[in-house]
Amino acid sequence: MSARNKKKVALKEKYIQEKLRNKAMKLGVTLKAPETVFLSTDTKFGNNVVIHPYVVIGEKVKIGNDVEI
């Protein structure tokens, strides 16, 4: 893969993660340092969820109510 294509892939991932973080916060999830949290497109959130810095959530994860990660 060329350097140009790698940059495009990285920028696309950055955009997708930004959208996922914004969606989570609109649902009421507290992200203490949003730019350091990485979510999967299928992540499910309960109520009153707090996610601290430097967390990566993989596929098929469901986070329950009143959870702090």
N, C-alpha and C. Protein backbone atom coordinates (compact mmCIF):
# COMPACT_ATOMS: atom_id res chain seq x y z
N MET A 1 0.84 -1.16 0.00
CA MET A 1 0.00 0.00 0.00
C MET A 1 0.90 1.24 0.00
N SER A 2 0.56 2.18 -0.84
CA SER A 2 1.38 3.38 -0.94
C SER A 2 1.16 4.28 0.27
N ALA A 3 2.09 5.19 0.47
CA ALA A 3 1.98 6.13 1.60
C ALA A 3 0.72 6.98 1.47
N ARG A 4 0.37 7.34 0.27
CA ARG A 4 -0.83 8.15 0.04
C ARG A 4 -2.09 7.38 0.45
N ASN A 5 -2.15 6.11 0.07
CA ASN A 5 -3.30 5.29 0.44
C ASN A 5 -3.36 5.05 1.95
N LYS A 6 -2.20 4.87 2.57
CA LYS A 6 -2.17 4.69 4.02
C LYS A 6 -2.71 5.94 4.73
N LYS A 7 -2.36 7.09 4.20
CA LYS A 7 -2.85 8.34 4.79
C LYS A 7 -4.36 8.44 4.64
N LYS A 8 -4.88 8.05 3.48
CA LYS A 8 -6.33 8.08 3.26
C LYS A 8 -7.05 7.15 4.23
N VAL A 9 -6.51 5.95 4.44
CA VAL A 9 -7.11 4.99 5.37
C VAL A 9 -7.09 5.55 6.79
N ALA A 10 -5.99 6.16 7.18
CA ALA A 10 -5.88 6.74 8.52
C ALA A 10 -6.87 7.88 8.71
N LEU A 11 -7.02 8.73 7.72
CA LEU A 11 -7.96 9.83 7.82
C LEU A 11 -9.40 9.34 7.87
N LYS A 12 -9.69 8.29 7.12
CA LYS A 12 -11.04 7.72 7.14
C LYS A 12 -11.34 7.14 8.52
N GLU A 13 -10.39 6.44 9.11
CA GLU A 13 -10.58 5.87 10.45
C GLU A 13 -10.76 6.98 11.48
N LYS A 14 -10.00 8.04 11.35
CA LYS A 14 -10.13 9.18 12.26
C LYS A 14 -11.54 9.76 12.19
N TYR A 15 -12.05 9.93 10.98
CA TYR A 15 -13.39 10.46 10.77
C TYR A 15 -14.45 9.53 11.36
N ILE A 16 -14.31 8.23 11.12
CA ILE A 16 -15.27 7.25 11.63
C ILE A 16 -15.27 7.27 13.16
N GLN A 17 -14.10 7.29 13.78
CA GLN A 17 -14.01 7.31 15.24
C GLN A 17 -14.64 8.58 15.81
N GLU A 18 -14.43 9.70 15.15
CA GLU A 18 -15.03 10.95 15.60
C GLU A 18 -16.56 10.86 15.58
N LYS A 19 -17.10 10.28 14.53
CA LYS A 19 -18.55 10.09 14.44
C LYS A 19 -19.06 9.16 15.53
N LEU A 20 -18.35 8.06 15.77
CA LEU A 20 -18.76 7.11 16.80
C LEU A 20 -18.72 7.73 18.19
N ARG A 21 -17.70 8.52 18.47
CA ARG A 21 -17.59 9.19 19.77
C ARG A 21 -18.73 10.19 19.96
N ASN A 22 -18.99 10.98 18.93
CA ASN A 22 -20.07 11.96 19.01
C ASN A 22 -21.42 11.28 19.22
N LYS A 23 -21.64 10.17 18.54
CA LYS A 23 -22.88 9.42 18.70
C LYS A 23 -23.01 8.91 20.14
N ALA A 24 -21.93 8.38 20.68
CA ALA A 24 -21.94 7.87 22.05
C ALA A 24 -22.26 8.99 23.04
N MET A 25 -21.63 10.14 22.85
CA MET A 25 -21.87 11.25 23.77
C MET A 25 -23.30 11.78 23.66
N LYS A 26 -23.86 11.76 22.47
CA LYS A 26 -25.26 12.16 22.30
C LYS A 26 -26.20 11.20 23.02
N LEU A 27 -25.79 9.95 23.14
CA LEU A 27 -26.57 8.95 23.88
C LEU A 27 -26.39 9.08 25.39
N GLY A 28 -25.49 9.96 25.82
CA GLY A 28 -25.28 10.19 27.25
C GLY A 28 -24.03 9.56 27.83
N VAL A 29 -23.22 8.93 27.00
CA VAL A 29 -21.97 8.34 27.48
C VAL A 29 -20.97 9.46 27.78
N THR A 30 -20.31 9.37 28.93
CA THR A 30 -19.28 10.35 29.29
C THR A 30 -17.94 9.80 28.85
N LEU A 31 -17.28 10.51 27.95
CA LEU A 31 -15.93 10.16 27.51
C LEU A 31 -14.99 11.20 28.12
N LYS A 32 -14.16 10.77 29.06
CA LYS A 32 -13.28 11.70 29.78
C LYS A 32 -12.24 12.35 28.88
N ALA A 33 -11.75 11.63 27.90
CA ALA A 33 -10.80 12.16 26.91
C ALA A 33 -11.17 11.53 25.57
N PRO A 34 -12.19 12.07 24.91
CA PRO A 34 -12.76 11.43 23.72
C PRO A 34 -11.73 11.05 22.65
N GLU A 35 -10.73 11.89 22.44
CA GLU A 35 -9.76 11.63 21.37
C GLU A 35 -8.91 10.39 21.63
N THR A 36 -8.95 9.85 22.86
CA THR A 36 -8.15 8.67 23.19
C THR A 36 -8.98 7.39 23.28
N VAL A 37 -10.27 7.50 23.03
CA VAL A 37 -11.18 6.35 23.12
C VAL A 37 -11.50 5.86 21.71
N PHE A 38 -11.41 4.55 21.49
CA PHE A 38 -11.70 3.97 20.19
C PHE A 38 -12.84 2.98 20.34
N LEU A 39 -13.89 3.17 19.51
CA LEU A 39 -15.10 2.37 19.60
C LEU A 39 -15.29 1.53 18.35
N SER A 40 -16.06 0.48 18.48
CA SER A 40 -16.45 -0.33 17.34
C SER A 40 -17.81 0.17 16.84
N THR A 41 -18.09 -0.06 15.58
CA THR A 41 -19.35 0.42 15.01
C THR A 41 -20.56 -0.25 15.63
N ASP A 42 -20.39 -1.40 16.26
CA ASP A 42 -21.53 -2.11 16.84
C ASP A 42 -21.59 -2.05 18.37
N THR A 43 -20.82 -1.14 18.98
CA THR A 43 -20.82 -1.01 20.43
C THR A 43 -22.19 -0.55 20.93
N LYS A 44 -22.69 -1.21 21.97
CA LYS A 44 -23.97 -0.86 22.59
C LYS A 44 -23.70 -0.33 23.99
N PHE A 45 -24.43 0.74 24.36
CA PHE A 45 -24.22 1.38 25.65
C PHE A 45 -25.49 1.36 26.49
N GLY A 46 -25.32 1.08 27.79
CA GLY A 46 -26.41 1.24 28.74
C GLY A 46 -26.46 2.69 29.20
N ASN A 47 -27.18 2.93 30.28
CA ASN A 47 -27.29 4.27 30.85
C ASN A 47 -26.17 4.52 31.84
N ASN A 48 -25.80 5.80 31.95
CA ASN A 48 -24.83 6.24 32.95
C ASN A 48 -23.48 5.54 32.79
N VAL A 49 -22.95 5.57 31.59
CA VAL A 49 -21.66 4.95 31.27
C VAL A 49 -20.57 6.03 31.25
N VAL A 50 -19.44 5.74 31.88
CA VAL A 50 -18.28 6.62 31.88
C VAL A 50 -17.10 5.83 31.35
N ILE A 51 -16.42 6.41 30.35
CA ILE A 51 -15.24 5.76 29.78
C ILE A 51 -14.06 6.71 29.96
N HIS A 52 -13.04 6.21 30.65
CA HIS A 52 -11.84 6.98 30.93
C HIS A 52 -10.89 6.94 29.72
N PRO A 53 -9.80 7.71 29.77
CA PRO A 53 -8.86 7.78 28.65
C PRO A 53 -8.22 6.43 28.29
N TYR A 54 -7.84 6.34 27.03
CA TYR A 54 -7.05 5.22 26.48
C TYR A 54 -7.76 3.88 26.59
N VAL A 55 -9.01 3.86 26.14
CA VAL A 55 -9.80 2.64 26.13
C VAL A 55 -10.11 2.28 24.68
N VAL A 56 -9.98 1.01 24.36
CA VAL A 56 -10.34 0.49 23.03
C VAL A 56 -11.45 -0.54 23.23
N ILE A 57 -12.58 -0.32 22.59
CA ILE A 57 -13.72 -1.23 22.68
C ILE A 57 -13.78 -2.03 21.38
N GLY A 58 -13.70 -3.34 21.48
CA GLY A 58 -13.73 -4.20 20.30
C GLY A 58 -15.14 -4.48 19.81
N GLU A 59 -15.24 -5.37 18.86
CA GLU A 59 -16.52 -5.73 18.26
C GLU A 59 -17.40 -6.50 19.23
N LYS A 60 -18.70 -6.39 19.03
CA LYS A 60 -19.73 -7.15 19.76
C LYS A 60 -19.72 -6.89 21.26
N VAL A 61 -19.38 -5.66 21.66
CA VAL A 61 -19.35 -5.32 23.08
C VAL A 61 -20.63 -4.59 23.46
N LYS A 62 -21.23 -5.03 24.56
CA LYS A 62 -22.40 -4.38 25.14
C LYS A 62 -22.02 -3.93 26.54
N ILE A 63 -22.10 -2.63 26.78
CA ILE A 63 -21.76 -2.07 28.06
C ILE A 63 -23.06 -1.79 28.82
N GLY A 64 -23.17 -2.35 30.02
CA GLY A 64 -24.40 -2.25 30.80
C GLY A 64 -24.59 -0.88 31.44
N ASN A 65 -25.62 -0.80 32.27
CA ASN A 65 -25.93 0.44 33.00
C ASN A 65 -24.96 0.66 34.15
N ASP A 66 -24.70 1.93 34.43
CA ASP A 66 -23.86 2.33 35.58
C ASP A 66 -22.49 1.67 35.55
N VAL A 67 -21.86 1.70 34.38
CA VAL A 67 -20.54 1.08 34.21
C VAL A 67 -19.50 2.18 34.01
N GLU A 68 -18.35 1.98 34.65
CA GLU A 68 -17.21 2.88 34.49
C GLU A 68 -16.02 2.06 34.02
N ILE A 69 -15.45 2.47 32.91
CA ILE A 69 -14.33 1.73 32.32
C ILE A 69 -13.11 2.65 32.32
